[in-house]
Amino acid sequence: MGKKSKYKTSVKKKTLNPEFNEEFIYEVPHDQLAKKTLEISVWDYDLGMSNDFIGGVELGINAKGERLKHWFECLKYKGKKVEYWHTLTQQGAPSSD
């Protein structure tokens, strides 16, 4: 599984406080999971204009602090749902070349 996979939530219209409560499942063999990175990005959708990057979170072996702890919990508890709240950062923001 070397290729990237991408999922998108539904668009939440006319709200400044969207709640998604959506779940995505990636089928990755447990022995390969430690080598993977999960990148989550949040965007503001604008009809007829370019979308605005709000922030993102990366989980994986190169993460730090709570994000790294979350990743280790996912590896430790195979097949279990491990939920954490993470603050969005500008990490993963598109470059403005």
N, C-alpha and C. Protein backbone atom coordinates (compact mmCIF):
# COMPACT_ATOMS: atom_id res chain seq x y z
N MET A 1 0.84 -1.19 0.00
CA MET A 1 0.00 0.00 0.00
C MET A 1 0.88 1.24 0.00
N GLY A 2 1.52 1.53 -1.12
CA GLY A 2 2.41 2.66 -1.20
C GLY A 2 1.72 3.94 -1.63
N LYS A 3 0.52 3.83 -2.20
CA LYS A 3 -0.12 5.05 -2.70
C LYS A 3 -0.91 5.75 -1.61
N LYS A 4 -1.13 7.04 -1.84
CA LYS A 4 -1.89 7.84 -0.89
C LYS A 4 -3.39 7.60 -1.10
N SER A 5 -4.12 7.63 -0.02
CA SER A 5 -5.57 7.54 -0.08
C SER A 5 -6.15 8.83 0.47
N LYS A 6 -7.29 9.24 -0.05
CA LYS A 6 -7.87 10.50 0.39
C LYS A 6 -9.37 10.30 0.59
N TYR A 7 -9.86 10.79 1.71
CA TYR A 7 -11.29 10.82 1.98
C TYR A 7 -11.68 12.26 2.25
N LYS A 8 -12.91 12.60 1.92
CA LYS A 8 -13.43 13.94 2.21
C LYS A 8 -14.73 13.82 2.98
N THR A 9 -14.92 14.71 3.95
CA THR A 9 -16.20 14.77 4.65
C THR A 9 -17.20 15.49 3.75
N SER A 10 -18.43 15.47 4.16
CA SER A 10 -19.44 16.26 3.46
C SER A 10 -19.22 17.73 3.81
N VAL A 11 -19.71 18.62 2.96
CA VAL A 11 -19.60 20.07 3.20
C VAL A 11 -20.72 20.49 4.14
N LYS A 12 -20.37 21.23 5.17
CA LYS A 12 -21.36 21.76 6.12
C LYS A 12 -21.61 23.22 5.76
N LYS A 13 -22.79 23.51 5.25
CA LYS A 13 -23.09 24.85 4.75
C LYS A 13 -23.67 25.75 5.83
N LYS A 14 -23.38 27.04 5.69
CA LYS A 14 -23.94 28.10 6.52
C LYS A 14 -23.74 27.88 8.01
N THR A 15 -22.52 27.52 8.41
CA THR A 15 -22.21 27.40 9.82
C THR A 15 -20.75 27.75 10.06
N LEU A 16 -20.49 28.44 11.15
CA LEU A 16 -19.11 28.75 11.54
C LEU A 16 -18.58 27.71 12.52
N ASN A 17 -19.44 26.78 12.95
CA ASN A 17 -19.06 25.75 13.90
C ASN A 17 -19.54 24.38 13.41
N PRO A 18 -18.96 23.90 12.32
CA PRO A 18 -19.43 22.62 11.78
C PRO A 18 -19.07 21.44 12.68
N GLU A 19 -19.95 20.47 12.72
CA GLU A 19 -19.69 19.20 13.39
C GLU A 19 -19.82 18.12 12.35
N PHE A 20 -18.80 17.29 12.25
CA PHE A 20 -18.77 16.30 11.18
C PHE A 20 -19.20 14.91 11.64
N ASN A 21 -18.67 14.44 12.75
CA ASN A 21 -19.01 13.12 13.26
C ASN A 21 -19.01 12.07 12.15
N GLU A 22 -17.98 12.11 11.33
CA GLU A 22 -17.84 11.15 10.24
C GLU A 22 -16.63 10.27 10.52
N GLU A 23 -16.67 9.06 10.03
CA GLU A 23 -15.63 8.09 10.30
C GLU A 23 -15.09 7.54 8.98
N PHE A 24 -13.79 7.40 8.91
CA PHE A 24 -13.15 6.81 7.74
C PHE A 24 -12.30 5.64 8.20
N ILE A 25 -12.29 4.60 7.42
CA ILE A 25 -11.51 3.41 7.78
C ILE A 25 -10.50 3.14 6.67
N TYR A 26 -9.25 3.02 7.09
CA TYR A 26 -8.18 2.66 6.17
C TYR A 26 -7.73 1.25 6.52
N GLU A 27 -7.71 0.39 5.53
CA GLU A 27 -7.25 -0.98 5.74
C GLU A 27 -5.74 -1.02 5.52
N VAL A 28 -4.99 -1.12 6.62
CA VAL A 28 -3.53 -1.16 6.58
C VAL A 28 -3.07 -2.33 7.45
N PRO A 29 -2.25 -3.23 6.90
CA PRO A 29 -1.73 -4.31 7.74
C PRO A 29 -1.01 -3.75 8.96
N HIS A 30 -1.26 -4.33 10.13
CA HIS A 30 -0.72 -3.79 11.38
C HIS A 30 0.79 -3.66 11.35
N ASP A 31 1.48 -4.60 10.69
CA ASP A 31 2.96 -4.54 10.64
C ASP A 31 3.47 -3.39 9.78
N GLN A 32 2.60 -2.79 8.95
CA GLN A 32 3.00 -1.64 8.13
C GLN A 32 2.54 -0.31 8.72
N LEU A 33 1.66 -0.36 9.70
CA LEU A 33 1.06 0.85 10.24
C LEU A 33 2.09 1.81 10.84
N ALA A 34 3.10 1.28 11.52
CA ALA A 34 4.11 2.13 12.16
C ALA A 34 4.86 2.99 11.15
N LYS A 35 4.90 2.58 9.89
CA LYS A 35 5.63 3.32 8.86
C LYS A 35 4.75 4.36 8.16
N LYS A 36 3.48 4.38 8.48
CA LYS A 36 2.54 5.27 7.79
C LYS A 36 2.36 6.59 8.54
N THR A 37 1.87 7.59 7.85
CA THR A 37 1.52 8.88 8.44
C THR A 37 0.09 9.19 8.04
N LEU A 38 -0.71 9.61 9.02
CA LEU A 38 -2.07 10.05 8.75
C LEU A 38 -2.08 11.56 8.79
N GLU A 39 -2.40 12.17 7.67
CA GLU A 39 -2.44 13.63 7.56
C GLU A 39 -3.89 14.08 7.41
N ILE A 40 -4.30 14.96 8.30
CA ILE A 40 -5.67 15.49 8.27
C ILE A 40 -5.58 16.98 8.02
N SER A 41 -6.29 17.46 7.01
CA SER A 41 -6.32 18.90 6.74
C SER A 41 -7.77 19.38 6.72
N VAL A 42 -7.96 20.59 7.21
CA VAL A 42 -9.30 21.18 7.31
C VAL A 42 -9.32 22.43 6.43
N TRP A 43 -10.34 22.50 5.59
CA TRP A 43 -10.46 23.60 4.63
C TRP A 43 -11.82 24.27 4.74
N ASP A 44 -11.86 25.56 4.47
CA ASP A 44 -13.11 26.31 4.37
C ASP A 44 -13.48 26.33 2.89
N TYR A 45 -14.62 25.74 2.57
CA TYR A 45 -15.08 25.67 1.20
C TYR A 45 -15.76 26.98 0.81
N ASP A 46 -15.33 27.55 -0.30
CA ASP A 46 -15.91 28.80 -0.80
C ASP A 46 -16.38 28.58 -2.23
N LEU A 47 -17.66 28.70 -2.45
CA LEU A 47 -18.24 28.52 -3.78
C LEU A 47 -17.73 29.60 -4.72
N GLY A 48 -17.14 29.19 -5.83
CA GLY A 48 -16.67 30.13 -6.83
C GLY A 48 -15.36 30.81 -6.50
N MET A 49 -14.76 30.51 -5.35
CA MET A 49 -13.48 31.11 -4.96
C MET A 49 -12.56 29.97 -4.52
N SER A 50 -11.30 30.31 -4.28
CA SER A 50 -10.40 29.26 -3.81
C SER A 50 -10.70 28.95 -2.35
N ASN A 51 -10.55 27.69 -1.98
CA ASN A 51 -10.80 27.25 -0.61
C ASN A 51 -9.66 27.69 0.29
N ASP A 52 -9.97 27.95 1.57
CA ASP A 52 -8.98 28.43 2.53
C ASP A 52 -8.55 27.31 3.46
N PHE A 53 -7.25 27.12 3.59
CA PHE A 53 -6.70 26.13 4.52
C PHE A 53 -6.89 26.67 5.94
N ILE A 54 -7.54 25.89 6.80
CA ILE A 54 -7.76 26.31 8.19
C ILE A 54 -6.66 25.75 9.09
N GLY A 55 -6.31 24.51 8.90
CA GLY A 55 -5.27 23.90 9.72
C GLY A 55 -5.22 22.40 9.50
N GLY A 56 -4.29 21.76 10.19
CA GLY A 56 -4.16 20.32 10.01
C GLY A 56 -3.48 19.65 11.18
N VAL A 57 -3.45 18.34 11.11
CA VAL A 57 -2.82 17.49 12.12
C VAL A 57 -2.18 16.32 11.40
N GLU A 58 -0.97 15.95 11.82
CA GLU A 58 -0.33 14.75 11.31
C GLU A 58 -0.09 13.79 12.46
N LEU A 59 -0.48 12.54 12.27
CA LEU A 59 -0.22 11.49 13.24
C LEU A 59 0.73 10.49 12.59
N GLY A 60 1.76 10.10 13.31
CA GLY A 60 2.72 9.14 12.80
C GLY A 60 3.97 9.16 13.65
N ILE A 61 4.95 8.39 13.25
CA ILE A 61 6.18 8.23 14.03
C ILE A 61 6.96 9.54 14.15
N ASN A 62 6.76 10.49 13.24
CA ASN A 62 7.47 11.76 13.30
C ASN A 62 6.69 12.84 14.05
N ALA A 63 5.51 12.49 14.58
CA ALA A 63 4.71 13.45 15.35
C ALA A 63 5.38 13.71 16.69
N LYS A 64 4.90 14.71 17.40
CA LYS A 64 5.45 15.06 18.71
C LYS A 64 4.31 15.18 19.73
N GLY A 65 4.64 15.07 21.01
CA GLY A 65 3.69 15.31 22.09
C GLY A 65 2.47 14.41 22.04
N GLU A 66 1.29 15.02 22.19
CA GLU A 66 0.03 14.27 22.22
C GLU A 66 -0.25 13.54 20.91
N ARG A 67 0.19 14.11 19.80
CA ARG A 67 -0.03 13.45 18.51
C ARG A 67 0.76 12.16 18.43
N LEU A 68 1.99 12.16 18.95
CA LEU A 68 2.80 10.94 18.95
C LEU A 68 2.22 9.93 19.94
N LYS A 69 1.76 10.40 21.09
CA LYS A 69 1.13 9.52 22.08
C LYS A 69 -0.09 8.84 21.47
N HIS A 70 -0.90 9.61 20.75
CA HIS A 70 -2.08 9.06 20.09
C HIS A 70 -1.67 7.96 19.10
N TRP A 71 -0.63 8.23 18.33
CA TRP A 71 -0.17 7.26 17.34
C TRP A 71 0.27 5.96 18.01
N PHE A 72 1.03 6.07 19.10
CA PHE A 72 1.48 4.87 19.82
C PHE A 72 0.30 4.10 20.39
N GLU A 73 -0.73 4.82 20.86
CA GLU A 73 -1.93 4.16 21.37
C GLU A 73 -2.62 3.37 20.26
N CYS A 74 -2.65 3.94 19.06
CA CYS A 74 -3.25 3.24 17.92
C CYS A 74 -2.48 1.96 17.60
N LEU A 75 -1.16 2.03 17.68
CA LEU A 75 -0.34 0.84 17.41
C LEU A 75 -0.50 -0.21 18.51
N LYS A 76 -0.62 0.25 19.74
CA LYS A 76 -0.71 -0.64 20.89
C LYS A 76 -2.03 -1.40 20.94
N TYR A 77 -3.13 -0.69 20.65
CA TYR A 77 -4.46 -1.29 20.77
C TYR A 77 -5.02 -1.65 19.39
N LYS A 78 -4.44 -2.65 18.79
CA LYS A 78 -4.82 -3.11 17.45
C LYS A 78 -6.32 -3.40 17.37
N GLY A 79 -6.96 -2.82 16.38
CA GLY A 79 -8.38 -3.07 16.14
C GLY A 79 -9.32 -2.28 17.03
N LYS A 80 -8.81 -1.44 17.89
CA LYS A 80 -9.65 -0.65 18.80
C LYS A 80 -9.69 0.80 18.33
N LYS A 81 -10.79 1.47 18.63
CA LYS A 81 -10.92 2.89 18.32
C LYS A 81 -10.22 3.69 19.41
N VAL A 82 -9.28 4.55 19.03
CA VAL A 82 -8.55 5.39 19.99
C VAL A 82 -8.82 6.83 19.60
N GLU A 83 -9.58 7.54 20.44
CA GLU A 83 -10.00 8.90 20.10
C GLU A 83 -9.29 9.94 20.95
N TYR A 84 -8.79 10.97 20.30
CA TYR A 84 -8.16 12.12 20.96
C TYR A 84 -8.67 13.37 20.25
N TRP A 85 -8.64 14.50 20.94
CA TRP A 85 -8.85 15.80 20.32
C TRP A 85 -7.48 16.42 20.10
N HIS A 86 -7.28 17.01 18.93
CA HIS A 86 -6.01 17.67 18.61
C HIS A 86 -6.26 19.09 18.14
N THR A 87 -5.39 20.00 18.52
CA THR A 87 -5.45 21.37 18.04
C THR A 87 -4.88 21.41 16.63
N LEU A 88 -5.57 22.09 15.74
CA LEU A 88 -5.07 22.23 14.37
C LEU A 88 -3.86 23.16 14.36
N THR A 89 -2.89 22.85 13.51
CA THR A 89 -1.72 23.70 13.34
C THR A 89 -1.62 24.09 11.86
N GLN A 90 -0.65 24.92 11.55
CA GLN A 90 -0.41 25.29 10.14
C GLN A 90 0.49 24.28 9.44
N GLN A 91 0.87 23.21 10.15
CA GLN A 91 1.67 22.14 9.54
C GLN A 91 0.89 21.54 8.38
N GLY A 92 1.55 21.37 7.28
CA GLY A 92 0.89 20.81 6.11
C GLY A 92 0.18 21.85 5.26
N ALA A 93 0.34 23.13 5.63
CA ALA A 93 -0.28 24.19 4.84
C ALA A 93 0.34 24.22 3.45
N PRO A 94 -0.49 24.48 2.44
CA PRO A 94 0.06 24.57 1.09
C PRO A 94 1.02 25.74 0.99
N SER A 95 2.05 25.57 0.20
CA SER A 95 3.05 26.66 0.05
C SER A 95 2.46 27.76 -0.82
N SER A 96 2.90 28.98 -0.57
CA SER A 96 2.38 30.13 -1.33
C SER A 96 3.45 30.62 -2.31
N ASP A 97 3.84 29.72 -3.21
CA ASP A 97 4.89 30.05 -4.21
C ASP A 97 4.34 30.99 -5.24
